[in-house]
N, C-alpha and C. Protein backbone atom coordinates (compact mmCIF):
# COMPACT_ATOMS: atom_id res chain seq x y z
N MET A 1 -23.71 -0.99 15.83
CA MET A 1 -23.41 -1.66 16.05
C MET A 1 -22.00 -1.40 17.31
N LYS A 2 -22.32 -2.44 18.45
CA LYS A 2 -21.67 -2.61 19.45
C LYS A 2 -20.13 -2.75 19.27
N ILE A 3 -19.54 -1.85 20.33
CA ILE A 3 -17.73 -1.55 19.48
C ILE A 3 -17.30 -2.34 20.76
N LEU A 4 -16.42 -3.22 20.52
CA LEU A 4 -15.76 -4.18 21.49
C LEU A 4 -15.00 -4.28 21.65
N GLY A 5 -13.31 -3.82 20.62
CA GLY A 5 -12.62 -3.10 21.03
C GLY A 5 -12.10 -2.60 20.25
N VAL A 6 -11.21 -2.01 20.04
CA VAL A 6 -9.87 -1.40 19.37
C VAL A 6 -8.75 -1.31 19.70
N GLU A 7 -8.13 -1.60 17.95
CA GLU A 7 -6.54 -1.77 17.97
C GLU A 7 -5.82 -0.58 17.04
N TYR A 8 -4.97 -0.06 17.52
CA TYR A 8 -4.20 0.52 16.53
C TYR A 8 -3.26 0.55 16.69
N ASP A 9 -1.88 0.65 15.36
CA ASP A 9 -0.75 0.03 15.57
C ASP A 9 0.03 1.52 14.80
N PRO A 10 0.77 1.93 15.56
CA PRO A 10 1.29 3.03 15.23
C PRO A 10 2.44 3.46 14.28
N LEU A 11 2.68 1.73 13.51
CA LEU A 11 3.90 2.08 12.93
C LEU A 11 3.50 1.88 11.63
N THR A 12 2.42 1.61 11.46
CA THR A 12 1.41 1.17 10.10
C THR A 12 0.10 2.46 10.20
N GLY A 13 -0.06 2.87 10.93
CA GLY A 13 -0.99 3.91 11.22
C GLY A 13 -2.37 2.75 10.99
N VAL A 14 -2.54 1.57 10.87
CA VAL A 14 -3.70 1.12 11.10
C VAL A 14 -4.60 1.03 12.35
N LYS A 15 -6.23 1.37 11.97
CA LYS A 15 -6.53 1.18 13.61
C LYS A 15 -7.79 0.32 12.71
N THR A 16 -8.35 -0.94 14.19
CA THR A 16 -8.94 -1.58 13.64
C THR A 16 -10.09 -1.63 14.71
N THR A 17 -11.26 -1.91 14.33
CA THR A 17 -12.59 -1.72 15.35
C THR A 17 -13.31 -2.95 15.13
N TYR A 18 -13.07 -3.80 16.49
CA TYR A 18 -14.21 -4.73 17.15
C TYR A 18 -15.31 -4.60 17.19
N GLY A 19 -16.64 -5.58 16.15
CA GLY A 19 -18.04 -4.36 16.63
C GLY A 19 -18.78 -6.26 16.41
N ALA A 20 -20.05 -6.06 17.05
CA ALA A 20 -20.99 -7.39 17.55
C ALA A 20 -22.31 -6.66 17.09
N GLU A 21 -22.91 -6.98 15.79
CA GLU A 21 -24.53 -6.68 15.45
C GLU A 21 -24.98 -8.03 14.85
N ASP A 22 -26.28 -7.99 15.21
CA ASP A 22 -27.14 -8.82 15.29
C ASP A 22 -26.45 -10.42 14.86
N GLY A 23 -25.95 -10.94 16.09
CA GLY A 23 -25.56 -11.85 16.43
C GLY A 23 -24.18 -12.07 15.58
N LYS A 24 -23.94 -10.97 14.94
CA LYS A 24 -22.25 -11.53 13.99
C LYS A 24 -20.98 -10.11 14.42
N MET A 25 -19.76 -11.15 14.25
CA MET A 25 -18.77 -10.39 14.64
C MET A 25 -18.30 -9.44 13.08
N ILE A 26 -17.97 -7.87 13.36
CA ILE A 26 -17.84 -6.89 12.30
C ILE A 26 -16.28 -6.67 12.66
N VAL A 27 -15.79 -6.64 11.80
CA VAL A 27 -14.11 -5.90 11.83
C VAL A 27 -13.57 -5.08 11.50
N LYS A 28 -13.69 -3.76 11.56
CA LYS A 28 -13.61 -3.12 10.01
C LYS A 28 -11.88 -2.23 9.91
N THR A 29 -11.56 -2.46 9.35
CA THR A 29 -9.94 -1.82 9.24
C THR A 29 -9.36 -0.60 8.79
N GLU A 30 -9.02 0.35 8.78
CA GLU A 30 -9.01 1.60 8.56
C GLU A 30 -7.38 2.37 8.78
N GLN A 31 -7.40 3.03 6.91
CA GLN A 31 -5.58 3.80 7.30
C GLN A 31 -6.07 4.93 6.67
N ASP A 32 -4.56 5.66 7.41
CA ASP A 32 -4.25 6.72 7.03
C ASP A 32 -3.79 6.77 5.42
N VAL A 33 -3.41 6.66 4.48
CA VAL A 33 -2.62 6.27 3.84
C VAL A 33 -1.61 8.04 2.91
N ALA A 34 -2.69 9.21 2.86
CA ALA A 34 -1.61 10.23 3.17
C ALA A 34 -0.16 10.50 3.44
N PRO A 35 -0.21 9.83 4.69
CA PRO A 35 1.17 9.71 4.52
C PRO A 35 2.55 9.37 4.22
N HIS A 36 2.03 7.82 3.94
CA HIS A 36 2.56 7.50 3.07
C HIS A 36 2.88 7.49 1.54
N LEU A 37 1.20 8.33 1.12
CA LEU A 37 1.11 9.06 -0.23
C LEU A 37 2.68 10.06 -0.63
N ASP A 38 2.75 10.79 0.68
CA ASP A 38 4.10 11.84 0.78
C ASP A 38 5.53 11.43 0.96
N TYR A 39 5.26 9.99 1.90
CA TYR A 39 6.74 8.77 1.34
C TYR A 39 7.06 8.68 0.16
N THR A 40 5.95 8.42 -0.94
CA THR A 40 6.15 8.18 -1.91
C THR A 40 6.95 8.81 -3.00
N GLN A 41 6.20 10.09 -2.64
CA GLN A 41 6.21 11.28 -3.81
C GLN A 41 8.00 11.81 -3.43
N ALA A 42 7.70 11.95 -2.38
CA ALA A 42 9.35 12.29 -1.40
C ALA A 42 10.42 10.91 -2.25
N LEU A 43 10.44 10.06 -1.98
CA LEU A 43 10.99 9.24 -2.51
C LEU A 43 11.19 9.53 -4.66
N ARG A 44 10.29 9.10 -4.70
CA ARG A 44 10.24 9.39 -6.70
C ARG A 44 10.89 11.03 -7.00
N ASN A 45 10.64 12.05 -6.10
CA ASN A 45 11.43 13.41 -6.38
C ASN A 45 12.89 13.28 -6.43
N ASP A 46 13.22 11.97 -5.50
CA ASP A 46 14.65 12.20 -5.19
C ASP A 46 16.14 11.40 -5.98
N PRO A 47 16.30 11.99 -6.77
CA PRO A 47 17.16 11.40 -8.12
C PRO A 47 18.05 9.75 -6.94
N ASP A 48 18.93 11.04 -6.40
CA ASP A 48 20.11 9.99 -5.50
C ASP A 48 19.66 8.34 -4.76
N TYR A 49 17.55 8.68 -4.03
CA TYR A 49 17.32 7.49 -4.03
C TYR A 49 17.24 6.09 -5.02
N ALA A 50 17.22 6.39 -6.28
CA ALA A 50 17.38 5.48 -7.06
C ALA A 50 18.32 4.45 -6.78
N LYS A 51 19.16 6.37 -7.54
CA LYS A 51 21.03 5.99 -8.01
C LYS A 51 21.46 4.97 -6.97
N ARG A 52 21.00 5.30 -5.58
CA ARG A 52 21.64 4.92 -4.46
C ARG A 52 21.27 3.52 -4.08
N GLY A 53 19.84 3.13 -4.63
CA GLY A 53 19.42 1.58 -5.25
C GLY A 53 20.10 0.80 -5.80
N ILE A 54 19.97 1.52 -6.80
CA ILE A 54 20.41 0.53 -8.73
C ILE A 54 22.96 0.26 -7.59
N LYS A 55 22.84 1.12 -7.54
CA LYS A 55 24.33 0.55 -7.15
C LYS A 55 24.21 -0.71 -5.44
N GLN A 56 23.04 -0.84 -5.14
CA GLN A 56 23.58 -1.32 -3.60
C GLN A 56 22.16 -2.64 -4.57
N ASN A 57 21.83 -2.18 -6.30
CA ASN A 57 21.41 -4.10 -6.08
C ASN A 57 20.14 -4.29 -5.96
N PHE A 58 19.34 -2.45 -5.87
CA PHE A 58 18.03 -2.73 -5.50
C PHE A 58 17.24 -1.79 -6.01
N GLN A 59 16.25 -2.16 -6.54
CA GLN A 59 15.18 -1.19 -6.86
C GLN A 59 13.76 -1.04 -6.41
N HIS A 60 13.34 -0.33 -5.08
CA HIS A 60 12.62 0.25 -4.33
C HIS A 60 11.48 0.39 -5.69
N VAL A 61 10.14 0.09 -6.12
CA VAL A 61 9.35 0.16 -7.81
C VAL A 61 8.08 0.56 -6.44
N GLY A 62 8.23 0.45 -5.80
CA GLY A 62 6.30 1.27 -5.09
C GLY A 62 6.39 1.02 -3.56
N HIS A 63 5.63 1.60 -3.11
CA HIS A 63 5.66 1.76 -1.67
C HIS A 63 3.85 1.24 -1.60
N ILE A 64 3.33 0.26 -0.99
CA ILE A 64 2.19 0.20 -0.50
C ILE A 64 1.48 -0.57 0.91
N PRO A 65 0.72 0.70 1.27
CA PRO A 65 0.29 0.74 2.66
C PRO A 65 -0.66 -0.64 2.60
N ASN A 66 -0.80 -1.37 3.82
CA ASN A 66 -1.32 -2.82 4.28
C ASN A 66 -2.40 -2.52 3.63
N SER A 67 -3.19 -1.67 4.03
CA SER A 67 -4.85 -1.07 3.43
C SER A 67 -5.08 -1.17 2.10
N VAL A 68 -4.00 -0.33 1.49
CA VAL A 68 -3.86 -1.00 -0.29
C VAL A 68 -4.06 -2.52 -0.67
N VAL A 69 -3.30 -2.49 0.35
CA VAL A 69 -2.71 -4.39 -0.21
C VAL A 69 -4.68 -5.34 -0.58
N ALA A 70 -5.23 -4.73 0.77
CA ALA A 70 -6.03 -5.94 1.30
C ALA A 70 -7.39 -4.82 0.68
N LYS A 71 -6.82 -4.06 0.07
CA LYS A 71 -8.44 -3.07 -0.95
C LYS A 71 -7.97 -3.87 -2.82
N MET A 72 -6.57 -4.07 -2.96
CA MET A 72 -6.37 -4.24 -4.45
C MET A 72 -6.65 -6.46 -4.10
N LEU A 73 -7.02 -6.65 -3.34
CA LEU A 73 -7.20 -8.55 -3.49
C LEU A 73 -8.44 -8.38 -2.67
N THR A 74 -9.20 -7.79 -2.55
CA THR A 74 -10.63 -8.22 -2.17
C THR A 74 -11.12 -7.35 -3.00
N GLU A 75 -10.82 -6.46 -4.39
CA GLU A 75 -11.34 -5.36 -5.37
C GLU A 75 -11.01 -5.22 -6.77
N ASP A 76 -9.65 -6.07 -6.51
CA ASP A 76 -9.07 -6.31 -7.77
C ASP A 76 -9.00 -7.49 -8.30
N GLY A 77 -8.98 -8.58 -6.97
CA GLY A 77 -8.60 -9.67 -7.46
C GLY A 77 -6.60 -9.58 -7.23
N PHE A 78 -5.86 -9.35 -6.89
CA PHE A 78 -4.57 -8.86 -7.92
C PHE A 78 -3.75 -9.25 -5.97
N ASP A 79 -2.78 -10.28 -5.57
CA ASP A 79 -1.99 -10.88 -5.13
C ASP A 79 -0.67 -9.71 -4.73
N VAL A 80 -0.48 -8.78 -3.89
CA VAL A 80 1.33 -8.16 -4.67
C VAL A 80 2.34 -9.20 -3.90
N MET A 81 1.47 -9.51 -3.04
CA MET A 81 2.33 -10.78 -2.15
C MET A 81 2.51 -11.86 -3.27
N ARG A 82 2.04 -12.00 -4.35
CA ARG A 82 2.34 -13.56 -4.83
C ARG A 82 3.23 -13.02 -6.35
N PHE A 83 3.45 -12.03 -6.88
CA PHE A 83 3.59 -11.91 -8.31
C PHE A 83 5.23 -11.15 -7.70
N PRO A 84 6.23 -11.01 -8.81
CA PRO A 84 7.15 -10.53 -8.95
C PRO A 84 7.46 -8.55 -9.33
N ALA A 85 7.91 -7.60 -9.11
CA ALA A 85 7.88 -6.36 -9.00
C ALA A 85 7.63 -5.86 -10.42
N ARG A 86 8.28 -7.14 -11.41
CA ARG A 86 8.24 -6.35 -12.69
C ARG A 86 6.24 -6.30 -12.69
N GLU A 87 5.74 -6.89 -12.11
CA GLU A 87 4.49 -7.76 -12.27
C GLU A 87 3.23 -6.89 -11.36
N VAL A 88 4.13 -5.81 -10.24
CA VAL A 88 3.30 -5.56 -9.43
C VAL A 88 3.61 -4.46 -10.59
N VAL A 89 4.18 -3.63 -10.48
CA VAL A 89 4.61 -2.91 -11.55
C VAL A 89 3.70 -2.44 -12.44
N LYS A 90 3.54 -3.61 -13.30
CA LYS A 90 2.84 -3.35 -14.81
C LYS A 90 1.39 -3.50 -14.12
N PHE A 91 0.75 -4.09 -12.66
CA PHE A 91 -0.82 -4.02 -12.56
C PHE A 91 -0.92 -2.21 -11.91
N LEU A 92 0.09 -1.64 -11.30
CA LEU A 92 -0.10 -0.57 -10.74
C LEU A 92 -0.02 1.18 -12.33
N ARG A 93 0.51 0.34 -12.93
CA ARG A 93 0.60 1.89 -14.49
C ARG A 93 -0.71 1.05 -14.89
N LYS A 94 -1.03 0.32 -15.03
CA LYS A 94 -2.33 -0.65 -15.46
C LYS A 94 -3.69 0.85 -15.05
N ASN A 95 -3.71 0.17 -13.60
CA ASN A 95 -4.71 1.20 -12.86
C ASN A 95 -4.10 2.41 -12.11
N TRP A 96 -3.67 3.30 -13.24
CA TRP A 96 -2.71 4.24 -13.34
C TRP A 96 -3.64 5.29 -11.92
N ASP A 97 -5.06 5.32 -12.47
CA ASP A 97 -6.15 6.17 -11.34
C ASP A 97 -6.37 5.99 -10.38
N LYS A 98 -6.11 4.86 -10.05
CA LYS A 98 -6.65 4.09 -8.89
C LYS A 98 -5.37 4.03 -7.88
N TYR A 99 -3.92 3.46 -7.99
CA TYR A 99 -2.98 3.17 -7.43
C TYR A 99 -1.64 3.30 -8.23
N GLY A 100 -1.52 4.70 -9.31
CA GLY A 100 -0.40 4.78 -9.97
C GLY A 100 0.63 6.07 -8.87
N LYS A 101 -0.13 6.54 -7.53
CA LYS A 101 0.87 7.23 -6.83
C LYS A 101 1.85 6.65 -5.71
N LEU A 102 1.24 5.58 -5.77
CA LEU A 102 2.16 3.91 -4.82
C LEU A 102 3.77 3.69 -5.89
N ILE A 103 3.56 4.42 -6.96
CA ILE A 103 5.02 4.30 -7.72
C ILE A 103 5.88 4.47 -6.72
N VAL A 104 7.22 4.35 -6.88
CA VAL A 104 8.00 4.93 -5.88
C VAL A 104 8.96 5.33 -7.94
N THR A 105 9.64 4.48 -8.43
CA THR A 105 10.67 4.47 -9.29
C THR A 105 10.18 5.72 -10.27
N ALA A 106 10.69 6.94 -10.62
CA ALA A 106 10.32 8.31 -11.43
C ALA A 106 9.87 8.12 -12.84
N SER A 107 10.02 7.20 -13.46
CA SER A 107 9.82 6.17 -14.80
C SER A 107 8.41 5.48 -14.08
N GLY A 108 7.89 5.40 -13.07
CA GLY A 108 7.46 3.47 -13.29
C GLY A 108 7.71 2.55 -14.14
N ARG A 109 8.62 2.34 -13.81
CA ARG A 109 9.53 1.24 -15.40
C ARG A 109 10.68 0.65 -14.15
N ILE A 110 10.67 -1.27 -14.07
CA ILE A 110 11.91 -1.13 -13.63
C ILE A 110 12.14 -2.21 -14.59
């Protein structure tokens, strides 16, 4: 594949590579999700984080990186942007082995 360009977004950690091969345009997207998983674990283990959120009428139920949102849509047919938080958490719990580490709430419930 001939590389035509590479873009990197430092805010999200998403690297997009554009290339061409056999007359076709190829777009490859990569993201290191390890920092996101560490962040989610820190939030989940902080009892004050949940308490502060509840006091402000806010419940942070999941932290899902962009690349995982795309993976959920392409591999599982689940679009996190179209469902309420309860349904997203239900989906994450149902697919615990694949997505369970993305849940922020300690109990995994809302």
